[in-house]
Full PDB file with SEQRES, HELIX, SHEET, SSBOND, CRYST1, ORIGX, SCALE, CONECT and MASTER records, all heavy atoms in Angstrom:
SEQRES   1 A   43  ALA LYS HIS ASN GLY LYS TRP VAL PHE VAL ARG HIS LYS          
SEQRES   2 A   43  GLU ARG GLU THR TRP GLU ILE PRO GLY GLY HIS ARG GLU          
SEQRES   3 A   43  ILE ASN GLU ASN ILE GLU ASP ALA ALA SER ARG GLU LEU          
SEQRES   4 A   43  LYS GLU GLU THR                                              
HELIX    1 AA1 ILE A   31  GLU A   42  1                                  12    
SHEET    1 AA1 2 LYS A   2  HIS A   3  0                                        
SHEET    2 AA1 2 LYS A   6  TRP A   7 -1                                        
CRYST1    1.000    1.000    1.000  90.00  90.00  90.00 P 1           1          
ORIGX1      1.000000  0.000000  0.000000        0.00000                         
ORIGX2      0.000000  1.000000  0.000000        0.00000                         
ORIGX3      0.000000  0.000000  1.000000        0.00000                         
SCALE1      1.000000  0.000000  0.000000        0.00000                         
SCALE2      0.000000  1.000000  0.000000        0.00000                         
SCALE3      0.000000  0.000000  1.000000        0.00000                         
ATOM      1  N   ALA A   1     101.175  93.251 102.779  1.00  0.00           N  
ATOM      2  CA  ALA A   1      99.916  93.875 102.387  1.00  0.00           C  
ATOM      3  C   ALA A   1      99.998  94.494 100.997  1.00  0.00           C  
ATOM      4  O   ALA A   1     101.068  94.902 100.541  1.00  0.00           O  
ATOM      5  CB  ALA A   1      99.535  94.952 103.405  1.00  0.00           C  
ATOM      6  N   LYS A   2      98.816  94.565 100.371  1.00  0.00           N  
ATOM      7  CA  LYS A   2      98.663  95.249  99.087  1.00  0.00           C  
ATOM      8  C   LYS A   2      97.582  96.302  99.222  1.00  0.00           C  
ATOM      9  O   LYS A   2      96.597  96.123  99.943  1.00  0.00           O  
ATOM     10  CB  LYS A   2      98.277  94.266  97.992  1.00  0.00           C  
ATOM     11  CG  LYS A   2      99.441  93.554  97.359  1.00  0.00           C  
ATOM     12  CD  LYS A   2      99.036  92.885  96.062  1.00  0.00           C  
ATOM     13  CE  LYS A   2     100.249  92.843  95.161  1.00  0.00           C  
ATOM     14  NZ  LYS A   2      99.940  92.305  93.845  1.00  0.00           N  
ATOM     15  N   HIS A   3      97.765  97.401  98.510  1.00  0.00           N  
ATOM     16  CA  HIS A   3      96.759  98.456  98.422  1.00  0.00           C  
ATOM     17  C   HIS A   3      96.753  98.947  96.979  1.00  0.00           C  
ATOM     18  O   HIS A   3      97.802  99.330  96.444  1.00  0.00           O  
ATOM     19  CB  HIS A   3      97.080  99.603  99.382  1.00  0.00           C  
ATOM     20  CG  HIS A   3      96.130 100.748  99.293  1.00  0.00           C  
ATOM     21  ND1 HIS A   3      94.800 100.626  99.599  1.00  0.00           N  
ATOM     22  CD2 HIS A   3      96.312 102.029  98.904  1.00  0.00           C  
ATOM     23  CE1 HIS A   3      94.205 101.803  99.423  1.00  0.00           C  
ATOM     24  NE2 HIS A   3      95.103 102.663  98.998  1.00  0.00           N  
ATOM     25  N   ASN A   4      95.596  98.893  96.348  1.00  0.00           N  
ATOM     26  CA  ASN A   4      95.471  99.290  94.938  1.00  0.00           C  
ATOM     27  C   ASN A   4      96.489  98.576  94.047  1.00  0.00           C  
ATOM     28  O   ASN A   4      97.086  99.178  93.154  1.00  0.00           O  
ATOM     29  CB  ASN A   4      95.581 100.806  94.782  1.00  0.00           C  
ATOM     30  CG  ASN A   4      94.406 101.534  95.389  1.00  0.00           C  
ATOM     31  OD1 ASN A   4      93.313 100.984  95.517  1.00  0.00           O  
ATOM     32  ND2 ASN A   4      94.614 102.778  95.775  1.00  0.00           N  
ATOM     33  N   GLY A   5      96.700  97.289  94.318  1.00  0.00           N  
ATOM     34  CA  GLY A   5      97.592  96.485  93.484  1.00  0.00           C  
ATOM     35  C   GLY A   5      99.074  96.668  93.752  1.00  0.00           C  
ATOM     36  O   GLY A   5      99.907  96.085  93.068  1.00  0.00           O  
ATOM     37  N   LYS A   6      99.446  97.459  94.745  1.00  0.00           N  
ATOM     38  CA  LYS A   6     100.856  97.714  95.063  1.00  0.00           C  
ATOM     39  C   LYS A   6     101.190  97.135  96.434  1.00  0.00           C  
ATOM     40  O   LYS A   6     100.354  97.109  97.336  1.00  0.00           O  
ATOM     41  CB  LYS A   6     101.126  99.222  95.106  1.00  0.00           C  
ATOM     42  CG  LYS A   6     100.728  99.962  93.855  1.00  0.00           C  
ATOM     43  CD  LYS A   6     101.900 100.147  92.973  1.00  0.00           C  
ATOM     44  CE  LYS A   6     101.505 101.076  91.814  1.00  0.00           C  
ATOM     45  NZ  LYS A   6     102.452 100.989  90.753  1.00  0.00           N  
ATOM     46  N   TRP A   7     102.438  96.689  96.583  1.00  0.00           N  
ATOM     47  CA  TRP A   7     102.907  96.194  97.875  1.00  0.00           C  
ATOM     48  C   TRP A   7     103.118  97.373  98.818  1.00  0.00           C  
ATOM     49  O   TRP A   7     103.576  98.439  98.406  1.00  0.00           O  
ATOM     50  CB  TRP A   7     104.211  95.409  97.726  1.00  0.00           C  
ATOM     51  CG  TRP A   7     104.072  94.194  96.890  1.00  0.00           C  
ATOM     52  CD1 TRP A   7     104.559  94.011  95.623  1.00  0.00           C  
ATOM     53  CD2 TRP A   7     103.383  92.986  97.233  1.00  0.00           C  
ATOM     54  NE1 TRP A   7     104.206  92.761  95.178  1.00  0.00           N  
ATOM     55  CE2 TRP A   7     103.495  92.108  96.130  1.00  0.00           C  
ATOM     56  CE3 TRP A   7     102.692  92.563  98.358  1.00  0.00           C  
ATOM     57  CZ2 TRP A   7     102.935  90.835  96.126  1.00  0.00           C  
ATOM     58  CZ3 TRP A   7     102.130  91.290  98.358  1.00  0.00           C  
ATOM     59  CH2 TRP A   7     102.255  90.445  97.256  1.00  0.00           C  
ATOM     60  N   VAL A   8     102.820  97.163 100.097  1.00  0.00           N  
ATOM     61  CA  VAL A   8     102.928  98.212 101.111  1.00  0.00           C  
ATOM     62  C   VAL A   8     104.193  97.974 101.942  1.00  0.00           C  
ATOM     63  O   VAL A   8     104.344  96.916 102.546  1.00  0.00           O  
ATOM     64  CB  VAL A   8     101.686  98.213 102.041  1.00  0.00           C  
ATOM     65  CG1 VAL A   8     101.834  99.278 103.121  1.00  0.00           C  
ATOM     66  CG2 VAL A   8     100.401  98.404 101.241  1.00  0.00           C  
ATOM     67  N   PHE A   9     105.072  98.980 101.954  1.00  0.00           N  
ATOM     68  CA  PHE A   9     106.268  98.957 102.795  1.00  0.00           C  
ATOM     69  C   PHE A   9     106.260 100.190 103.674  1.00  0.00           C  
ATOM     70  O   PHE A   9     105.685 101.216 103.317  1.00  0.00           O  
ATOM     71  CB  PHE A   9     107.544  98.910 101.949  1.00  0.00           C  
ATOM     72  CG  PHE A   9     107.828  97.548 101.392  1.00  0.00           C  
ATOM     73  CD1 PHE A   9     107.221  97.127 100.224  1.00  0.00           C  
ATOM     74  CD2 PHE A   9     108.686  96.682 102.049  1.00  0.00           C  
ATOM     75  CE1 PHE A   9     107.454  95.857  99.719  1.00  0.00           C  
ATOM     76  CE2 PHE A   9     108.927  95.413 101.551  1.00  0.00           C  
ATOM     77  CZ  PHE A   9     108.307  95.002 100.389  1.00  0.00           C  
ATOM     78  N   VAL A  10     106.891 100.093 104.833  1.00  0.00           N  
ATOM     79  CA  VAL A  10     106.931 101.207 105.782  1.00  0.00           C  
ATOM     80  C   VAL A  10     108.382 101.524 106.137  1.00  0.00           C  
ATOM     81  O   VAL A  10     109.259 100.673 106.041  1.00  0.00           O  
ATOM     82  CB  VAL A  10     106.111 100.908 107.060  1.00  0.00           C  
ATOM     83  CG1 VAL A  10     104.648 100.674 106.714  1.00  0.00           C  
ATOM     84  CG2 VAL A  10     106.661  99.719 107.831  1.00  0.00           C  
ATOM     85  N   ARG A  11     108.585 102.798 106.533  1.00  0.00           N  
ATOM     86  CA  ARG A  11     109.910 103.232 106.967  1.00  0.00           C  
ATOM     87  C   ARG A  11     109.819 103.762 108.390  1.00  0.00           C  
ATOM     88  O   ARG A  11     109.030 104.651 108.686  1.00  0.00           O  
ATOM     89  CB  ARG A  11     110.466 104.326 106.048  1.00  0.00           C  
ATOM     90  CG  ARG A  11     111.896 104.726 106.405  1.00  0.00           C  
ATOM     91  CD  ARG A  11     112.371 105.916 105.602  1.00  0.00           C  
ATOM     92  NE  ARG A  11     111.527 107.081 105.802  1.00  0.00           N  
ATOM     93  CZ  ARG A  11     111.531 107.875 106.886  1.00  0.00           C  
ATOM     94  NH1 ARG A  11     112.338 107.602 107.903  1.00  0.00           N  
ATOM     95  NH2 ARG A  11     110.721 108.922 106.967  1.00  0.00           N  
ATOM     96  N   HIS A  12     110.597 103.173 109.274  1.00  0.00           N  
ATOM     97  CA  HIS A  12     110.704 103.622 110.667  1.00  0.00           C  
ATOM     98  C   HIS A  12     111.341 105.012 110.684  1.00  0.00           C  
ATOM     99  O   HIS A  12     112.250 105.288 109.897  1.00  0.00           O  
ATOM    100  CB  HIS A  12     111.564 102.620 111.452  1.00  0.00           C  
ATOM    101  CG  HIS A  12     111.532 102.799 112.925  1.00  0.00           C  
ATOM    102  ND1 HIS A  12     112.211 103.814 113.559  1.00  0.00           N  
ATOM    103  CD2 HIS A  12     110.907 102.091 113.895  1.00  0.00           C  
ATOM    104  CE1 HIS A  12     112.009 103.732 114.855  1.00  0.00           C  
ATOM    105  NE2 HIS A  12     111.217 102.689 115.102  1.00  0.00           N  
ATOM    106  N   LYS A  13     110.882 105.870 111.571  1.00  0.00           N  
ATOM    107  CA  LYS A  13     111.390 107.243 111.655  1.00  0.00           C  
ATOM    108  C   LYS A  13     112.891 107.314 111.898  1.00  0.00           C  
ATOM    109  O   LYS A  13     113.541 108.280 111.505  1.00  0.00           O  
ATOM    110  CB  LYS A  13     110.667 108.006 112.772  1.00  0.00           C  
ATOM    111  CG  LYS A  13     109.249 108.377 112.438  1.00  0.00           C  
ATOM    112  CD  LYS A  13     108.580 109.088 113.605  1.00  0.00           C  
ATOM    113  CE  LYS A  13     107.144 109.437 113.267  1.00  0.00           C  
ATOM    114  NZ  LYS A  13     106.426 110.007 114.427  1.00  0.00           N  
ATOM    115  N   GLU A  14     113.452 106.307 112.560  1.00  0.00           N  
ATOM    116  CA  GLU A  14     114.875 106.330 112.890  1.00  0.00           C  
ATOM    117  C   GLU A  14     115.749 105.586 111.883  1.00  0.00           C  
ATOM    118  O   GLU A  14     116.941 105.396 112.115  1.00  0.00           O  
ATOM    119  CB  GLU A  14     115.084 105.762 114.297  1.00  0.00           C  
ATOM    120  CG  GLU A  14     114.412 106.581 115.366  1.00  0.00           C  
ATOM    121  CD  GLU A  14     114.519 105.976 116.754  1.00  0.00           C  
ATOM    122  OE1 GLU A  14     115.114 104.880 116.891  1.00  0.00           O  
ATOM    123  OE2 GLU A  14     113.993 106.595 117.698  1.00  0.00           O  
ATOM    124  N   ARG A  15     115.141 105.153 110.767  1.00  0.00           N  
ATOM    125  CA  ARG A  15     115.906 104.415 109.763  1.00  0.00           C  
ATOM    126  C   ARG A  15     115.651 104.989 108.369  1.00  0.00           C  
ATOM    127  O   ARG A  15     114.654 105.671 108.137  1.00  0.00           O  
ATOM    128  CB  ARG A  15     115.523 102.933 109.788  1.00  0.00           C  
ATOM    129  CG  ARG A  15     115.877 102.241 111.083  1.00  0.00           C  
ATOM    130  CD  ARG A  15     115.716 100.734 110.991  1.00  0.00           C  
ATOM    131  NE  ARG A  15     114.396 100.253 111.342  1.00  0.00           N  
ATOM    132  CZ  ARG A  15     113.990  99.952 112.576  1.00  0.00           C  
ATOM    133  NH1 ARG A  15     114.790 100.123 113.598  1.00  0.00           N  
ATOM    134  NH2 ARG A  15     112.783  99.483 112.794  1.00  0.00           N  
ATOM    135  N   GLU A  16     116.535 104.660 107.453  1.00  0.00           N  
ATOM    136  CA  GLU A  16     116.383 105.076 106.053  1.00  0.00           C  
ATOM    137  C   GLU A  16     115.950 103.903 105.180  1.00  0.00           C  
ATOM    138  O   GLU A  16     115.852 104.048 103.967  1.00  0.00           O  
ATOM    139  CB  GLU A  16     117.710 105.643 105.523  1.00  0.00           C  
ATOM    140  CG  GLU A  16     118.181 106.880 106.269  1.00  0.00           C  
ATOM    141  CD  GLU A  16     117.199 108.050 106.155  1.00  0.00           C  
ATOM    142  OE1 GLU A  16     116.671 108.262 105.048  1.00  0.00           O  
ATOM    143  OE2 GLU A  16     116.963 108.724 107.173  1.00  0.00           O  
ATOM    144  N   THR A  17     115.710 102.757 105.792  1.00  0.00           N  
ATOM    145  CA  THR A  17     115.387 101.539 105.055  1.00  0.00           C  
ATOM    146  C   THR A  17     113.904 101.204 105.168  1.00  0.00           C  
ATOM    147  O   THR A  17     113.188 101.754 106.001  1.00  0.00           O  
ATOM    148  CB  THR A  17     116.229 100.372 105.598  1.00  0.00           C  
ATOM    149  OG1 THR A  17     116.052 100.304 107.018  1.00  0.00           O  
ATOM    150  CG2 THR A  17     117.709 100.557 105.274  1.00  0.00           C  
ATOM    151  N   TRP A  18     113.463 100.265 104.337  1.00  0.00           N  
ATOM    152  CA  TRP A  18     112.046  99.897 104.241  1.00  0.00           C  
ATOM    153  C   TRP A  18     111.805  98.513 104.821  1.00  0.00           C  
ATOM    154  O   TRP A  18     112.681  97.655 104.783  1.00  0.00           O  
ATOM    155  CB  TRP A  18     111.602  99.946 102.780  1.00  0.00           C  
ATOM    156  CG  TRP A  18     111.685 101.339 102.259  1.00  0.00           C  
ATOM    157  CD1 TRP A  18     112.745 101.906 101.584  1.00  0.00           C  
ATOM    158  CD2 TRP A  18     110.715 102.363 102.419  1.00  0.00           C  
ATOM    159  NE1 TRP A  18     112.467 103.223 101.320  1.00  0.00           N  
ATOM    160  CE2 TRP A  18     111.227 103.529 101.812  1.00  0.00           C  
ATOM    161  CE3 TRP A  18     109.453 102.419 103.017  1.00  0.00           C  
ATOM    162  CZ2 TRP A  18     110.528 104.727 101.781  1.00  0.00           C  
ATOM    163  CZ3 TRP A  18     108.745 103.610 102.977  1.00  0.00           C  
ATOM    164  CH2 TRP A  18     109.283 104.745 102.370  1.00  0.00           C  
ATOM    165  N   GLU A  19     110.586  98.317 105.326  1.00  0.00           N  
ATOM    166  CA  GLU A  19     110.242  97.023 105.904  1.00  0.00           C  
ATOM    167  C   GLU A  19     108.772  96.694 105.684  1.00  0.00           C  
ATOM    168  O   GLU A  19     107.961  97.566 105.395  1.00  0.00           O  
ATOM    169  CB  GLU A  19     110.609  96.963 107.384  1.00  0.00           C  
ATOM    170  CG  GLU A  19     110.105  98.105 108.210  1.00  0.00           C  
ATOM    171  CD  GLU A  19     110.901  98.279 109.491  1.00  0.00           C  
ATOM    172  OE1 GLU A  19     112.034  98.791 109.434  1.00  0.00           O  
ATOM    173  OE2 GLU A  19     110.372  97.902 110.550  1.00  0.00           O  
ATOM    174  N   ILE A  20     108.471  95.421 105.855  1.00  0.00           N  
ATOM    175  CA  ILE A  20     107.099  94.932 105.798  1.00  0.00           C  
ATOM    176  C   ILE A  20     106.447  95.278 107.133  1.00  0.00           C  
ATOM    177  O   ILE A  20     107.073  95.124 108.181  1.00  0.00           O  
ATOM    178  CB  ILE A  20     107.098  93.403 105.566  1.00  0.00           C  
ATOM    179  CG1 ILE A  20     107.731  93.072 104.206  1.00  0.00           C  
ATOM    180  CG2 ILE A  20     105.683  92.838 105.659  1.00  0.00           C  
ATOM    181  CD1 ILE A  20     108.044  91.598 104.015  1.00  0.00           C  
ATOM    182  N   PRO A  21     105.185  95.764 107.127  1.00  0.00           N  
ATOM    183  CA  PRO A  21     104.529  96.078 108.398  1.00  0.00           C  
ATOM    184  C   PRO A  21     104.476  94.869 109.333  1.00  0.00           C  
ATOM    185  O   PRO A  21     104.296  93.733 108.887  1.00  0.00           O  
ATOM    186  CB  PRO A  21     103.108  96.476 107.982  1.00  0.00           C  
ATOM    187  CG  PRO A  21     103.216  96.851 106.545  1.00  0.00           C  
ATOM    188  CD  PRO A  21     104.325  96.013 105.976  1.00  0.00           C  
ATOM    189  N   GLY A  22     104.620  95.131 110.622  1.00  0.00           N  
ATOM    190  CA  GLY A  22     104.538  94.064 111.609  1.00  0.00           C  
ATOM    191  C   GLY A  22     105.220  94.456 112.891  1.00  0.00           C  
ATOM    192  O   GLY A  22     105.773  95.550 113.006  1.00  0.00           O  
ATOM    193  N   GLY A  23     105.158  93.570 113.870  1.00  0.00           N  
ATOM    194  CA  GLY A  23     105.812  93.861 115.130  1.00  0.00           C  
ATOM    195  C   GLY A  23     105.544  92.825 116.190  1.00  0.00           C  
ATOM    196  O   GLY A  23     105.014  91.749 115.908  1.00  0.00           O  
ATOM    197  N   HIS A  24     105.892  93.172 117.400  1.00  0.00           N  
ATOM    198  CA  HIS A  24     105.774  92.273 118.544  1.00  0.00           C  
ATOM    199  C   HIS A  24     104.329  92.139 119.004  1.00  0.00           C  
ATOM    200  O   HIS A  24     103.578  93.110 119.015  1.00  0.00           O  
ATOM    201  CB  HIS A  24     106.604  92.799 119.722  1.00  0.00           C  
ATOM    202  CG  HIS A  24     108.067  92.697 119.516  1.00  0.00           C  
ATOM    203  ND1 HIS A  24     108.782  93.649 118.840  1.00  0.00           N  
ATOM    204  CD2 HIS A  24     108.943  91.750 119.900  1.00  0.00           C  
ATOM    205  CE1 HIS A  24     110.050  93.295 118.814  1.00  0.00           C  
ATOM    206  NE2 HIS A  24     110.180  92.146 119.449  1.00  0.00           N  
ATOM    207  N   ARG A  25     104.018  90.965 119.425  1.00  0.00           N  
ATOM    208  CA  ARG A  25     102.733  90.676 120.050  1.00  0.00           C  
ATOM    209  C   ARG A  25     102.781  91.162 121.494  1.00  0.00           C  
ATOM    210  O   ARG A  25     103.782  90.956 122.191  1.00  0.00           O  
ATOM    211  CB  ARG A  25     102.547  89.163 119.998  1.00  0.00           C  
ATOM    212  CG  ARG A  25     101.326  88.630 120.634  1.00  0.00           C  
ATOM    213  CD  ARG A  25     101.414  87.114 120.532  1.00  0.00           C  
ATOM    214  NE  ARG A  25     100.173  86.487 120.924  1.00  0.00           N  
ATOM    215  CZ  ARG A  25      99.955  85.196 120.826  1.00  0.00           C  
ATOM    216  NH1 ARG A  25     100.893  84.393 120.357  1.00  0.00           N  
ATOM    217  NH2 ARG A  25      98.813  84.690 121.191  1.00  0.00           N  
ATOM    218  N   GLU A  26     101.724  91.813 121.944  1.00  0.00           N  
ATOM    219  CA  GLU A  26     101.672  92.297 123.323  1.00  0.00           C  
ATOM    220  C   GLU A  26     101.161  91.197 124.250  1.00  0.00           C  
ATOM    221  O   GLU A  26     100.537  90.231 123.814  1.00  0.00           O  
ATOM    222  CB  GLU A  26     100.777  93.544 123.396  1.00  0.00           C  
ATOM    223  CG  GLU A  26     101.390  94.710 122.638  1.00  0.00           C  
ATOM    224  CD  GLU A  26     100.545  95.966 122.675  1.00  0.00           C  
ATOM    225  OE1 GLU A  26      99.426  95.951 123.230  1.00  0.00           O  
ATOM    226  OE2 GLU A  26     101.016  96.975 122.120  1.00  0.00           O  
ATOM    227  N   ILE A  27     101.424  91.352 125.541  1.00  0.00           N  
ATOM    228  CA  ILE A  27     100.992  90.374 126.539  1.00  0.00           C  
ATOM    229  C   ILE A  27      99.473  90.224 126.484  1.00  0.00           C  
ATOM    230  O   ILE A  27      98.742  91.210 126.410  1.00  0.00           O  
ATOM    231  CB  ILE A  27     101.449  90.805 127.949  1.00  0.00           C  
ATOM    232  CG1 ILE A  27     102.984  90.799 128.012  1.00  0.00           C  
ATOM    233  CG2 ILE A  27     100.863  89.892 129.026  1.00  0.00           C  
ATOM    234  CD1 ILE A  27     103.555  91.420 129.272  1.00  0.00           C  
ATOM    235  N   ASN A  28      99.004  88.977 126.505  1.00  0.00           N  
ATOM    236  CA  ASN A  28      97.574  88.626 126.461  1.00  0.00           C  
ATOM    237  C   ASN A  28      96.862  89.047 125.172  1.00  0.00           C  
ATOM    238  O   ASN A  28      95.641  89.130 125.149  1.00  0.00           O  
ATOM    239  CB  ASN A  28      96.821  89.188 127.678  1.00  0.00           C  
ATOM    240  CG  ASN A  28      97.330  88.602 128.974  1.00  0.00           C  
ATOM    241  OD1 ASN A  28      97.670  87.414 129.035  1.00  0.00           O  
ATOM    242  ND2 ASN A  28      97.411  89.410 130.004  1.00  0.00           N  
ATOM    243  N   GLU A  29      97.601  89.313 124.115  1.00  0.00           N  
ATOM    244  CA  GLU A  29      97.016  89.681 122.827  1.00  0.00           C  
ATOM    245  C   GLU A  29      97.060  88.463 121.914  1.00  0.00           C  
ATOM    246  O   GLU A  29      98.087  87.790 121.835  1.00  0.00           O  
ATOM    247  CB  GLU A  29      97.829  90.826 122.224  1.00  0.00           C  
ATOM    248  CG  GLU A  29      97.296  91.366 120.919  1.00  0.00           C  
ATOM    249  CD  GLU A  29      98.122  92.541 120.408  1.00  0.00           C  
ATOM    250  OE1 GLU A  29      99.375  92.459 120.441  1.00  0.00           O  
ATOM    251  OE2 GLU A  29      97.515  93.532 119.983  1.00  0.00           O  
ATOM    252  N   ASN A  30      95.948  88.158 121.240  1.00  0.00           N  
ATOM    253  CA  ASN A  30      96.037  87.032 120.309  1.00  0.00           C  
ATOM    254  C   ASN A  30      96.742  87.509 119.045  1.00  0.00           C  
ATOM    255  O   ASN A  30      96.814  88.703 118.759  1.00  0.00           O  
ATOM    256  CB  ASN A  30      94.676  86.353 120.070  1.00  0.00           C  
ATOM    257  CG  ASN A  30      93.752  87.122 119.163  1.00  0.00           C  
ATOM    258  OD1 ASN A  30      94.157  87.644 118.125  1.00  0.00           O  
ATOM    259  ND2 ASN A  30      92.484  87.176 119.531  1.00  0.00           N  
ATOM    260  N   ILE A  31      97.267  86.570 118.291  1.00  0.00           N  
ATOM    261  CA  ILE A  31      98.154  86.916 117.175  1.00  0.00           C  
ATOM    262  C   ILE A  31      97.400  87.643 116.062  1.00  0.00           C  
ATOM    263  O   ILE A  31      97.945  88.528 115.401  1.00  0.00           O  
ATOM    264  CB  ILE A  31      98.923  85.665 116.673  1.00  0.00           C  
ATOM    265  CG1 ILE A  31     100.147  86.070 115.852  1.00  0.00           C  
ATOM    266  CG2 ILE A  31      98.011  84.716 115.941  1.00  0.00           C  
ATOM    267  CD1 ILE A  31     101.242  86.726 116.660  1.00  0.00           C  
ATOM    268  N   GLU A  32      96.122  87.311 115.856  1.00  0.00           N  
ATOM    269  CA  GLU A  32      95.327  88.002 114.839  1.00  0.00           C  
ATOM    270  C   GLU A  32      95.100  89.461 115.226  1.00  0.00           C  
ATOM    271  O   GLU A  32      95.181  90.359 114.381  1.00  0.00           O  
ATOM    272  CB  GLU A  32      93.990  87.300 114.603  1.00  0.00           C  
ATOM    273  CG  GLU A  32      94.094  85.950 113.912  1.00  0.00           C  
ATOM    274  CD  GLU A  32      94.468  84.800 114.844  1.00  0.00           C  
ATOM    275  OE1 GLU A  32      94.462  84.975 116.093  1.00  0.00           O  
ATOM    276  OE2 GLU A  32      94.783  83.717 114.330  1.00  0.00           O  
ATOM    277  N   ASP A  33      94.821  89.697 116.515  1.00  0.00           N  
ATOM    278  CA  ASP A  33      94.648  91.071 116.988  1.00  0.00           C  
ATOM    279  C   ASP A  33      95.959  91.851 116.878  1.00  0.00           C  
ATOM    280  O   ASP A  33      95.962  93.042 116.547  1.00  0.00           O  
ATOM    281  CB  ASP A  33      94.139  91.098 118.423  1.00  0.00           C  
ATOM    282  CG  ASP A  33      92.690  90.647 118.550  1.00  0.00           C  
ATOM    283  OD1 ASP A  33      91.979  90.580 117.516  1.00  0.00           O  
ATOM    284  OD2 ASP A  33      92.264  90.352 119.685  1.00  0.00           O  
ATOM    285  N   ALA A  34      97.069  91.191 117.155  1.00  0.00           N  
ATOM    286  CA  ALA A  34      98.376  91.839 117.026  1.00  0.00           C  
ATOM    287  C   ALA A  34      98.609  92.260 115.575  1.00  0.00           C  
ATOM    288  O   ALA A  34      99.078  93.373 115.308  1.00  0.00           O  
ATOM    289  CB  ALA A  34      99.486  90.906 117.492  1.00  0.00           C  
ATOM    290  N   ALA A  35      98.273  91.378 114.639  1.00  0.00           N  
ATOM    291  CA  ALA A  35      98.452  91.684 113.221  1.00  0.00           C  
ATOM    292  C   ALA A  35      97.589  92.883 112.815  1.00  0.00           C  
ATOM    293  O   ALA A  35      98.069  93.805 112.134  1.00  0.00           O  
ATOM    294  CB  ALA A  35      98.121  90.463 112.365  1.00  0.00           C  
ATOM    295  N   SER A  36      96.338  92.898 113.220  1.00  0.00           N  
ATOM    296  CA  SER A  36      95.444  94.016 112.883  1.00  0.00           C  
ATOM    297  C   SER A  36      95.942  95.324 113.500  1.00  0.00           C  
ATOM    298  O   SER A  36      95.962  96.369 112.842  1.00  0.00           O  
ATOM    299  CB  SER A  36      94.020  93.730 113.361  1.00  0.00           C  
ATOM    300  OG  SER A  36      93.460  92.674 112.622  1.00  0.00           O  
ATOM    301  N   ARG A  37      96.341  95.267 114.754  1.00  0.00           N  
ATOM    302  CA  ARG A  37      96.843  96.457 115.434  1.00  0.00           C  
ATOM    303  C   ARG A  37      98.086  97.003 114.744  1.00  0.00           C  
ATOM    304  O   ARG A  37      98.186  98.199 114.458  1.00  0.00           O  
ATOM    305  CB  ARG A  37      97.149  96.140 116.910  1.00  0.00           C  
ATOM    306  CG  ARG A  37      97.774  97.316 117.666  1.00  0.00           C  
ATOM    307  CD  ARG A  37      98.147  96.941 119.094  1.00  0.00           C  
ATOM    308  NE  ARG A  37      98.966  95.754 119.217  1.00  0.00           N  
ATOM    309  CZ  ARG A  37     100.275  95.689 118.935  1.00  0.00           C  
ATOM    310  NH1 ARG A  37     100.910  96.756 118.488  1.00  0.00           N  
ATOM    311  NH2 ARG A  37     100.946  94.561 119.094  1.00  0.00           N  
ATOM    312  N   GLU A  38      99.030  96.119 114.444  1.00  0.00           N  
ATOM    313  CA  GLU A  38     100.267  96.555 113.792  1.00  0.00           C  
ATOM    314  C   GLU A  38      99.994  97.157 112.414  1.00  0.00           C  
ATOM    315  O   GLU A  38     100.591  98.168 112.053  1.00  0.00           O  
ATOM    316  CB  GLU A  38     101.266  95.393 113.690  1.00  0.00           C  
ATOM    317  CG  GLU A  38     101.871  94.979 115.005  1.00  0.00           C  
ATOM    318  CD  GLU A  38     102.880  95.975 115.572  1.00  0.00           C  
ATOM    319  OE1 GLU A  38     103.265  96.946 114.877  1.00  0.00           O  
ATOM    320  OE2 GLU A  38     103.289  95.789 116.728  1.00  0.00           O  
ATOM    321  N   LEU A  39      99.094  96.544 111.659  1.00  0.00           N  
ATOM    322  CA  LEU A  39      98.791  97.068 110.324  1.00  0.00           C  
ATOM    323  C   LEU A  39      98.187  98.469 110.428  1.00  0.00           C  
ATOM    324  O   LEU A  39      98.572  99.370 109.683  1.00  0.00           O  
ATOM    325  CB  LEU A  39      97.853  96.122 109.567  1.00  0.00           C  
ATOM    326  CG  LEU A  39      97.664  96.461 108.089  1.00  0.00           C  
ATOM    327  CD1 LEU A  39      98.973  96.336 107.317  1.00  0.00           C  
ATOM    328  CD2 LEU A  39      96.598  95.570 107.473  1.00  0.00           C  
ATOM    329  N   LYS A  40      97.266  98.659 111.353  1.00  0.00           N  
ATOM    330  CA  LYS A  40      96.653  99.984 111.553  1.00  0.00           C  
ATOM    331  C   LYS A  40      97.697 100.999 111.998  1.00  0.00           C  
ATOM    332  O   LYS A  40      97.765 102.116 111.468  1.00  0.00           O  
ATOM    333  CB  LYS A  40      95.541  99.907 112.609  1.00  0.00           C  
ATOM    334  CG  LYS A  40      94.312  99.170 112.166  1.00  0.00           C  
ATOM    335  CD  LYS A  40      93.324  99.053 113.338  1.00  0.00           C  
ATOM    336  CE  LYS A  40      92.208  98.089 113.032  1.00  0.00           C  
ATOM    337  NZ  LYS A  40      91.334  97.870 114.208  1.00  0.00           N  
ATOM    338  N   GLU A  41      98.503 100.623 112.999  1.00  0.00           N  
ATOM    339  CA  GLU A  41      99.500 101.549 113.548  1.00  0.00           C  
ATOM    340  C   GLU A  41     100.570 101.937 112.538  1.00  0.00           C  
ATOM    341  O   GLU A  41     101.039 103.069 112.522  1.00  0.00           O  
ATOM    342  CB  GLU A  41     100.192 100.930 114.762  1.00  0.00           C  
ATOM    343  CG  GLU A  41      99.350 100.833 116.004  1.00  0.00           C  
ATOM    344  CD  GLU A  41     100.054 100.124 117.153  1.00  0.00           C  
ATOM    345  OE1 GLU A  41     101.233  99.703 117.014  1.00  0.00           O  
ATOM    346  OE2 GLU A  41      99.413  99.970 118.205  1.00  0.00           O  
ATOM    347  N   GLU A  42     100.965 100.994 111.693  1.00  0.00           N  
ATOM    348  CA  GLU A  42     102.105 101.242 110.819  1.00  0.00           C  
ATOM    349  C   GLU A  42     101.742 101.751 109.432  1.00  0.00           C  
ATOM    350  O   GLU A  42     102.607 102.269 108.730  1.00  0.00           O  
ATOM    351  CB  GLU A  42     102.972  99.982 110.718  1.00  0.00           C  
ATOM    352  CG  GLU A  42     103.590  99.637 112.058  1.00  0.00           C  
ATOM    353  CD  GLU A  42     104.726  98.647 111.979  1.00  0.00           C  
ATOM    354  OE1 GLU A  42     105.001  98.108 110.887  1.00  0.00           O  
ATOM    355  OE2 GLU A  42     105.352  98.410 113.026  1.00  0.00           O  
ATOM    356  N   THR A  43     100.465 101.594 109.029  1.00  0.00           N  
ATOM    357  CA  THR A  43     100.088 102.024 107.680  1.00  0.00           C  
ATOM    358  C   THR A  43      98.922 103.001 107.647  1.00  0.00           C  
ATOM    359  O   THR A  43      98.685 103.622 106.616  1.00  0.00           O  
ATOM    360  CB  THR A  43      99.698 100.820 106.796  1.00  0.00           C  
ATOM    361  OG1 THR A  43      98.467 100.263 107.279  1.00  0.00           O  
ATOM    362  CG2 THR A  43     100.790  99.764 106.776  1.00  0.00           C  
TER     363      THR A  43                                                      
MASTER        0    0    0    1    2    0    0    6  362    1    0    4          
END                                                                             
């Protein structure tokens, strides 16, 4: 993801490193909904 021309990275509370937003798909969730949910939850 980009916001205001910058790349968006996130840091998990239990780590000191950075990652691209994302995660596991939940049961009966379509992949587009999983992507939207993860982006909202993580950023």
